[in-house]
Protein backbone atom coordinates (compact mmCIF):
# COMPACT_ATOMS: atom_id res chain seq x y z
CA MET A 1 -32.22 57.53 233.38
CA THR A 2 -28.94 55.72 232.79
CA THR A 3 -26.19 58.21 232.05
CA ARG A 4 -24.00 57.87 228.95
CA ARG A 5 -20.99 57.08 231.17
CA GLU A 6 -22.89 54.33 233.01
CA PHE A 7 -24.23 52.85 229.78
CA LEU A 8 -20.81 52.76 228.09
CA LYS A 9 -19.21 51.27 231.19
CA LYS A 10 -21.81 48.52 231.46
CA SER A 11 -21.67 47.78 227.74
CA ALA A 12 -17.88 47.59 227.76
CA LEU A 13 -17.91 45.17 230.66
CA ALA A 14 -20.60 43.04 229.05
CA GLY A 15 -18.82 42.89 225.71
CA GLY A 16 -15.24 42.85 226.93
CA ALA A 17 -14.62 46.08 225.01
CA LEU A 18 -13.12 49.48 225.73
CA SER A 19 -14.09 52.84 224.31
CA SER A 20 -12.18 56.08 223.87
CA GLY A 21 -12.54 59.76 223.19
CA ILE A 22 -14.50 62.35 221.40
CA LEU A 23 -14.52 65.34 218.96
CA GLY A 24 -15.38 65.74 215.30
CA GLY A 25 -17.51 67.55 212.75
CA GLY A 26 -18.12 67.88 209.05
CA ALA A 27 -20.01 69.07 206.00
CA VAL A 28 -19.84 68.39 202.30
CA GLY A 29 -20.48 70.63 199.29
CA LEU A 30 -20.60 70.01 195.55
CA GLY A 31 -18.20 72.01 193.43
CA GLU A 32 -17.27 72.44 189.77
CA GLY A 33 -15.64 69.18 188.75
CA ILE A 34 -14.38 68.61 192.30
CA LEU A 35 -15.96 68.10 195.70
CA ALA A 36 -14.82 70.35 198.53
CA LEU A 37 -15.35 69.01 202.04
CA SER A 38 -14.60 70.66 205.36
CA PRO A 39 -15.31 69.80 209.01
CA GLN A 40 -17.91 71.60 211.09
CA PRO A 41 -18.22 71.28 214.88
CA THR A 42 -21.77 69.97 214.79
CA GLY A 43 -23.56 66.73 215.57
CA PRO A 44 -26.98 65.31 214.78
CA SER A 45 -29.82 65.70 217.22
CA ARG A 46 -30.92 62.43 218.76
CA SER A 47 -34.47 61.28 219.34
CA ASN A 48 -33.43 58.87 222.10
CA PRO A 49 -32.09 59.95 225.52
CA PRO A 50 -28.29 60.32 225.83
CA GLY A 51 -26.68 57.11 227.01
CA SER A 52 -29.44 54.87 225.70
CA PRO A 53 -28.73 51.95 223.35
CA LEU A 54 -28.80 53.08 219.74
CA ARG A 55 -30.98 51.67 217.00
CA ILE A 56 -28.53 51.13 214.14
CA LEU A 57 -29.39 50.19 210.56
CA ILE A 58 -26.55 48.61 208.58
CA LEU A 59 -26.86 48.61 204.79
CA GLY A 60 -25.09 45.37 203.91
CA GLY A 61 -23.49 43.68 206.88
CA THR A 62 -22.55 40.20 205.67
CA GLY A 63 -19.31 40.98 203.85
CA PHE A 64 -15.89 41.76 205.29
CA ILE A 65 -16.59 44.78 207.51
CA GLY A 66 -20.12 43.71 208.42
CA PRO A 67 -19.53 40.84 210.88
CA HIS A 68 -16.94 42.84 212.82
CA LEU A 69 -19.25 45.84 212.89
CA VAL A 70 -22.28 43.85 214.05
CA ARG A 71 -20.20 42.19 216.75
CA ARG A 72 -19.03 45.58 218.02
CA CYS A 73 -22.55 47.03 218.01
CA LEU A 74 -23.86 44.10 220.04
CA GLU A 75 -20.92 44.24 222.45
CA ARG A 76 -21.88 47.84 223.13
CA GLY A 77 -25.53 46.96 223.74
CA HIS A 78 -27.04 48.48 220.60
CA ASP A 79 -30.02 47.23 218.56
CA VAL A 80 -29.06 46.22 215.02
CA THR A 81 -31.11 45.96 211.85
CA LEU A 82 -29.55 44.63 208.65
CA PHE A 83 -30.58 45.43 205.09
CA ASN A 84 -29.26 43.12 202.39
CA ARG A 85 -30.29 40.75 199.63
CA GLY A 86 -30.18 37.71 201.91
CA ARG A 87 -27.77 35.89 199.61
CA THR A 88 -24.34 36.20 201.24
CA GLU A 89 -23.90 34.03 204.33
CA PRO A 90 -27.63 34.08 205.24
CA ARG A 91 -27.01 31.99 208.38
CA LEU A 92 -23.97 33.97 209.51
CA PHE A 93 -25.56 36.11 212.15
CA PRO A 94 -28.01 33.58 213.63
CA GLU A 95 -25.04 31.28 214.15
CA LEU A 96 -22.77 33.93 215.67
CA PHE A 97 -25.10 36.32 217.47
CA GLY A 98 -28.62 34.93 217.46
CA ASP A 99 -31.47 36.33 215.42
CA LEU A 100 -31.24 39.91 214.21
CA GLU A 101 -33.86 41.92 212.37
CA VAL A 102 -33.13 41.66 208.65
CA ARG A 103 -34.85 43.74 205.96
CA ILE A 104 -34.53 41.99 202.60
CA GLY A 105 -34.12 44.07 199.46
CA ASP A 106 -31.76 45.26 196.76
CA ARG A 107 -30.51 48.82 196.79
CA ASN A 108 -30.34 48.82 193.01
CA ASP A 109 -34.07 48.38 192.50
CA ASP A 110 -36.03 47.55 195.68
CA ILE A 111 -35.55 49.31 199.01
CA SER A 112 -39.22 49.24 199.95
CA SER A 113 -38.52 47.19 203.09
CA LEU A 114 -36.90 50.30 204.58
CA GLU A 115 -40.01 52.42 204.27
CA ASP A 116 -41.24 51.44 207.72
CA GLY A 117 -38.83 51.96 210.60
CA ARG A 118 -37.00 54.41 212.83
CA TRP A 119 -33.26 54.36 213.58
CA ASP A 120 -30.82 56.62 215.37
CA ALA A 121 -28.09 55.98 212.83
CA VAL A 122 -27.44 54.34 209.46
CA ILE A 123 -24.14 52.75 208.47
CA ASP A 124 -23.76 52.46 204.70
CA ASN A 125 -20.94 50.05 203.82
CA SER A 126 -22.28 48.96 200.45
CA GLY A 127 -23.10 52.19 198.62
CA TYR A 128 -21.05 52.74 195.48
CA THR A 129 -22.84 54.98 192.98
CA ALA A 130 -24.56 58.26 193.68
CA ASP A 131 -27.88 56.78 192.54
CA GLN A 132 -27.63 53.89 195.00
CA VAL A 133 -26.79 56.17 197.89
CA ARG A 134 -29.33 58.84 196.90
CA ALA A 135 -32.15 56.29 197.03
CA THR A 136 -31.39 55.15 200.57
CA ALA A 137 -30.34 58.55 201.93
CA GLN A 138 -33.45 60.29 200.63
CA LEU A 139 -35.72 57.51 201.91
CA LEU A 140 -34.12 57.49 205.37
CA ARG A 141 -33.63 61.24 205.87
CA ASP A 142 -36.78 61.47 208.01
CA SER A 143 -36.34 58.13 209.81
CA ALA A 144 -32.72 58.43 210.98
CA ASP A 145 -30.59 61.12 212.61
CA GLN A 146 -27.10 60.22 211.42
CA TYR A 147 -25.78 58.62 208.22
CA LEU A 148 -22.27 57.15 208.30
CA PHE A 149 -20.96 56.48 204.81
CA THR A 150 -17.98 54.24 204.10
CA SER A 151 -16.07 56.05 201.38
CA THR A 152 -12.47 55.42 200.34
CA ARG A 153 -9.01 56.95 200.17
CA ALA A 154 -9.42 56.67 196.40
CA VAL A 155 -11.63 59.79 196.37
CA TYR A 156 -8.52 61.98 196.54
CA SER A 157 -7.61 63.42 193.17
CA ASP A 158 -4.06 64.57 193.86
CA TYR A 159 -1.66 62.47 195.92
CA THR A 160 0.99 65.18 195.54
CA HIS A 161 -1.10 67.56 197.65
CA PRO A 162 1.03 69.01 200.47
CA THR A 163 -1.40 68.25 203.34
CA MET A 164 -3.33 65.11 202.30
CA ASP A 165 -5.88 65.76 205.03
CA GLU A 166 -9.65 65.60 204.67
CA ASP A 167 -9.68 68.97 202.90
CA ALA A 168 -7.43 67.79 200.06
CA PRO A 169 -9.18 67.91 196.65
CA ILE A 170 -11.28 64.93 195.61
CA GLY A 171 -13.06 63.89 192.45
CA VAL A 172 -11.83 64.63 188.92
CA PRO A 173 -10.59 68.22 188.57
CA GLY A 174 -11.67 70.01 185.42
CA VAL A 175 -14.18 67.35 184.40
CA PRO A 176 -17.98 67.80 184.77
CA GLU A 177 -19.34 65.59 187.52
CA GLU A 178 -21.74 63.84 185.14
CA GLU A 179 -18.69 62.47 183.31
CA TRP A 180 -16.96 61.05 186.36
CA SER A 181 -16.34 57.30 186.42
CA GLY A 182 -14.31 54.82 188.41
CA TYR A 183 -14.36 53.73 192.02
CA GLY A 184 -12.93 56.85 193.69
CA PRO A 185 -14.80 59.53 191.73
CA LEU A 186 -18.14 57.71 192.09
CA LYS A 187 -17.59 57.40 195.83
CA ALA A 188 -16.82 61.13 195.90
CA LEU A 189 -20.18 61.88 194.26
CA ALA A 190 -21.92 59.60 196.75
CA GLU A 191 -20.39 61.57 199.63
CA GLY A 192 -22.10 64.72 198.35
CA VAL A 193 -25.41 62.91 198.09
CA VAL A 194 -25.25 61.91 201.76
CA GLU A 195 -24.51 65.47 202.86
CA GLU A 196 -27.42 66.76 200.83
CA ALA A 197 -29.84 64.39 202.55
CA PHE A 198 -28.30 64.68 206.05
CA PRO A 199 -26.90 68.23 206.26
CA ASP A 200 -26.55 68.01 210.06
CA GLY A 201 -25.92 64.29 210.37
CA THR A 202 -23.31 63.23 207.82
CA THR A 203 -20.29 61.19 208.86
CA ILE A 204 -17.86 60.10 206.14
CA VAL A 205 -14.95 57.73 206.68
CA ARG A 206 -12.31 57.25 203.96
CA PRO A 207 -10.38 54.04 204.71
CA PRO A 208 -7.22 52.93 202.95
CA ILE A 209 -6.79 49.21 202.24
CA ILE A 210 -8.58 47.36 205.04
CA THR A 211 -6.90 44.28 206.47
CA GLY A 212 -7.62 41.78 209.22
CA PRO A 213 -9.38 38.46 209.79
CA GLY A 214 -11.93 37.82 207.05
CA ASP A 215 -10.16 39.84 204.33
CA ARG A 216 -10.38 37.96 201.03
CA THR A 217 -8.70 40.61 198.87
CA ASP A 218 -5.34 39.38 200.29
CA ARG A 219 -3.54 42.66 199.58
CA PHE A 220 -1.93 42.74 203.03
CA THR A 221 -2.64 39.09 203.83
CA TYR A 222 -0.19 38.29 201.04
CA TRP A 223 2.65 39.74 203.12
CA TYR A 224 1.67 37.92 206.30
CA VAL A 225 1.49 34.59 204.49
CA ARG A 226 4.56 35.20 202.34
CA ILE A 227 6.79 36.17 205.25
CA ASP A 228 5.52 33.25 207.32
CA ARG A 229 6.54 30.93 204.46
CA GLY A 230 10.10 32.19 204.90
CA GLY A 231 13.05 32.29 202.54
CA GLU A 232 14.16 35.21 200.40
CA VAL A 233 11.42 37.82 200.03
CA ILE A 234 11.27 40.72 197.58
CA ALA A 235 11.13 43.95 199.57
CA PRO A 236 9.93 46.61 197.11
CA GLY A 237 11.51 50.01 196.67
CA ASP A 238 13.28 51.79 199.47
CA PRO A 239 13.11 50.82 203.18
CA SER A 240 11.86 54.34 203.98
CA ASP A 241 8.81 54.15 201.67
CA PRO A 242 5.57 54.86 203.63
CA VAL A 243 2.86 52.26 204.28
CA GLN A 244 -0.68 52.77 205.63
CA TYR A 245 -3.56 50.36 206.24
CA THR A 246 -6.53 49.90 208.60
CA ASP A 247 -7.40 46.88 210.73
CA VAL A 248 -11.07 46.05 210.14
CA ARG A 249 -11.67 45.71 213.88
CA ASP A 250 -10.26 49.16 214.60
CA LEU A 251 -12.50 50.54 211.86
CA ALA A 252 -15.59 48.85 213.33
CA GLU A 253 -14.81 50.17 216.80
CA PHE A 254 -14.30 53.67 215.39
CA TYR A 255 -17.64 53.57 213.56
CA VAL A 256 -19.56 52.63 216.68
CA HIS A 257 -17.70 55.23 218.73
CA LEU A 258 -18.60 57.96 216.22
CA LEU A 259 -22.27 56.99 216.44
CA GLU A 260 -22.27 56.80 220.23
CA GLU A 261 -20.84 60.31 220.41
CA GLY A 262 -23.00 61.65 217.57
CA THR A 263 -19.82 62.78 215.81
CA THR A 264 -20.18 64.12 212.30
CA GLY A 265 -17.43 65.01 209.86
CA ILE A 266 -14.94 63.44 207.48
CA PHE A 267 -12.17 61.17 208.69
CA ASN A 268 -9.09 59.40 207.37
CA PRO A 269 -8.72 56.26 209.55
CA GLU A 270 -5.22 55.34 208.35
CA ALA A 271 -3.08 53.23 210.67
CA PRO A 272 -0.81 53.38 212.47
CA ALA A 273 -0.97 56.55 214.55
CA ALA A 274 2.60 57.50 213.62
CA PRO A 275 4.27 57.15 210.19
CA LEU A 276 5.27 53.60 209.25
CA SER A 277 8.05 52.76 206.79
CA SER A 278 8.04 49.70 204.56
CA ALA A 279 11.06 48.34 206.46
CA GLU A 280 9.19 48.73 209.76
CA PHE A 281 6.17 47.04 208.22
CA LEU A 282 8.07 44.03 206.87
CA TYR A 283 10.17 43.50 209.98
CA GLY A 284 7.08 44.01 212.13
CA VAL A 285 5.33 41.19 210.29
CA ARG A 286 8.43 39.01 210.60
CA ALA A 287 8.20 39.38 214.37
CA VAL A 288 5.07 37.19 214.46
CA THR A 289 6.67 34.19 212.75
CA SER A 290 9.66 31.99 213.52
CA SER A 291 10.37 31.26 209.86
CA PRO A 292 13.87 32.21 208.61
CA VAL A 293 13.39 35.23 206.34
CA GLN A 294 15.73 37.32 204.22
CA PHE A 295 14.49 40.58 202.69
CA THR A 296 16.08 41.69 199.42
CA TRP A 297 15.33 45.31 198.50
CA VAL A 298 14.61 45.71 194.79
CA ASP A 299 14.16 49.06 193.04
CA TRP A 300 10.64 49.94 191.93
CA SER A 301 11.89 50.66 188.41
CA PHE A 302 13.39 47.17 188.15
CA LEU A 303 10.20 45.58 189.45
CA GLU A 304 8.10 47.48 186.93
CA GLU A 305 10.44 46.45 184.11
CA HIS A 306 9.64 42.86 185.06
CA GLY A 307 5.89 43.45 185.18
CA LEU A 308 5.55 43.86 188.94
CA ARG A 309 3.61 47.03 189.68
CA GLY A 310 2.90 48.64 193.01
CA GLY A 311 -0.70 48.21 194.08
CA SER A 312 -1.25 45.10 191.93
CA GLU A 313 1.47 42.44 191.62
CA ILE A 314 3.20 44.09 194.59
CA PRO A 315 0.08 44.60 196.73
CA GLY A 316 -0.49 46.94 199.64
CA TRP A 317 1.50 50.03 198.71
CA ARG A 318 2.89 52.02 195.81
CA PRO A 319 6.19 53.77 195.07
CA PRO A 320 6.04 57.26 196.68
CA GLU A 321 6.89 59.15 193.53
CA GLY A 322 5.18 60.96 190.67
CA ASP A 323 1.39 60.93 190.95
CA TRP A 324 1.61 58.66 194.01
CA LEU A 325 4.02 60.81 196.01
CA ASN A 326 1.90 60.99 199.20
CA TYR A 327 -0.24 57.87 198.72
CA GLY A 328 1.07 56.41 201.97
CA ARG A 329 1.11 59.71 203.83
CA ILE A 330 -2.58 60.47 204.35
CA ASP A 331 -3.13 62.70 207.41
CA ASN A 332 -5.01 60.81 210.15
CA ARG A 333 -4.95 63.44 212.90
CA ARG A 334 -8.64 64.24 212.65
CA ALA A 335 -9.56 60.59 213.22
CA LEU A 336 -7.15 60.39 216.16
CA GLU A 337 -8.78 63.45 217.72
CA ALA A 338 -12.18 61.84 217.18
CA GLY A 339 -11.16 58.76 219.17
CA ILE A 340 -9.83 56.14 216.78
CA THR A 341 -7.36 53.66 218.27
CA PHE A 342 -5.10 51.18 216.49
CA ARG A 343 -3.99 47.68 217.31
CA PRO A 344 -0.26 47.01 216.97
CA LEU A 345 0.79 45.75 213.55
CA ALA A 346 1.97 42.49 215.13
CA VAL A 347 -1.55 41.81 216.43
CA THR A 348 -3.12 42.49 213.04
CA ALA A 349 -0.57 40.30 211.24
CA ARG A 350 -0.79 37.44 213.76
CA ASP A 351 -4.59 37.33 213.90
CA THR A 352 -5.01 37.58 210.13
CA LEU A 353 -2.38 34.92 209.52
CA GLU A 354 -4.09 32.56 211.98
CA TRP A 355 -7.47 33.19 210.33
CA TRP A 356 -6.02 32.54 206.87
CA LYS A 357 -4.42 29.28 207.93
CA GLU A 358 -7.59 27.98 209.56
CA ALA A 359 -10.17 29.27 207.07
CA ARG A 360 -8.31 29.00 203.78
CA GLY A 361 -4.76 27.73 203.89
CA ALA A 362 -5.73 24.40 205.44
CA ALA A 363 -8.02 23.79 202.46
CA GLY A 364 -5.21 24.49 199.99
CA GLU A 365 -6.65 27.83 198.85
CA GLU A 366 -4.31 30.10 196.90
CA LEU A 367 -3.77 33.75 197.71
CA GLY A 368 -5.69 36.18 195.53
CA ALA A 369 -2.98 38.84 195.43
CA GLY A 370 0.78 39.03 195.00
CA ILE A 371 3.07 36.83 192.91
CA SER A 372 3.89 33.15 192.86
CA ALA A 373 7.01 31.70 194.47
CA GLU A 374 8.34 30.84 191.01
CA GLU A 375 7.90 34.37 189.67
CA GLU A 376 9.47 35.88 192.77
CA ALA A 377 12.51 33.59 192.46
CA GLN A 378 12.94 34.53 188.80
CA VAL A 379 12.86 38.26 189.54
CA LEU A 380 15.30 37.87 192.44
CA GLU A 381 17.71 35.95 190.22
CA ALA A 382 17.45 38.65 187.52
CA TRP A 383 18.09 41.31 190.16
CA ARG A 384 21.28 39.56 191.28
CA ARG A 385 22.49 39.25 187.68
CA SER A 386 21.84 42.97 187.11
CA GLY A 387 23.94 43.95 190.06
């Protein structure tokens, strides 16, 4: 029998990839108007011998995270099955990786193609509502050992919480769960559904904004492209404001590592490993371009008076005050202990900028986030007049 160490070494050499370290655990419980989650030092039992390639079912797989995740799974020597509607990029994987097993269906009304099969782990990137996730989790509870659910940082209900770790409150405090609505609260309900179906095999990851090659939300891509364009750039708020993000490739590598180790639990995969200020972020991005750039720091209050809000017109981060006090200070220590690693910001910015130029900028495509050059110039001129 090939040992786990031998298998990982061979897979890393074959795929040009490296793997790292270990630990984790978790469980989820439903509460009154809030979901309380805490880690447990347990892992799912595996039906295949340790060190063997895993059979991994990915619900979705053709969007932003999917291609990076499939690539990582194949680099590590695992067998991949995709479940999707067959509408988004149907030729993507044959062209990149050769033929993969694809189960066609729609998790809203037809998951019958999943009734026949056996997998070591499920990765659910596309589940949103509790009903969607309940259908797949209940169907797969006897045909898979581990269920990794992609949740979101938006599940947290109180960004003024003093710890902001995985045990911070989530959901909508004081409101019955049947009345919850919105992206974060619905994801919080879905987390509980997974734990109910996989009490010994639940892994939940709560990413912040995900960036990297292939990202079409442009929330961080805006900054890479804007800084590369050069000139005077609005730098929002205070240089010490916190910023967090996750590179999609680091997230994919972390997912596969968690499955290889059979690690359960709840994890905040926020990058970087140490706190990052907005000044460090902006100057870090500037380091990957030779364009002349001047940053002008503008108060959040002034930006909001001119219709530029954090998280929307000013994408990527929010002012660390009021309800958003610790939005950029989520505790990532549990993910670090479980083996997550982070690329340098310069690598993320450079690679994403190159992808954007080749895939979109060359065709004249406009960014989907941020503000226009004209609007930015107007606000900068108003800021100078106010001073």
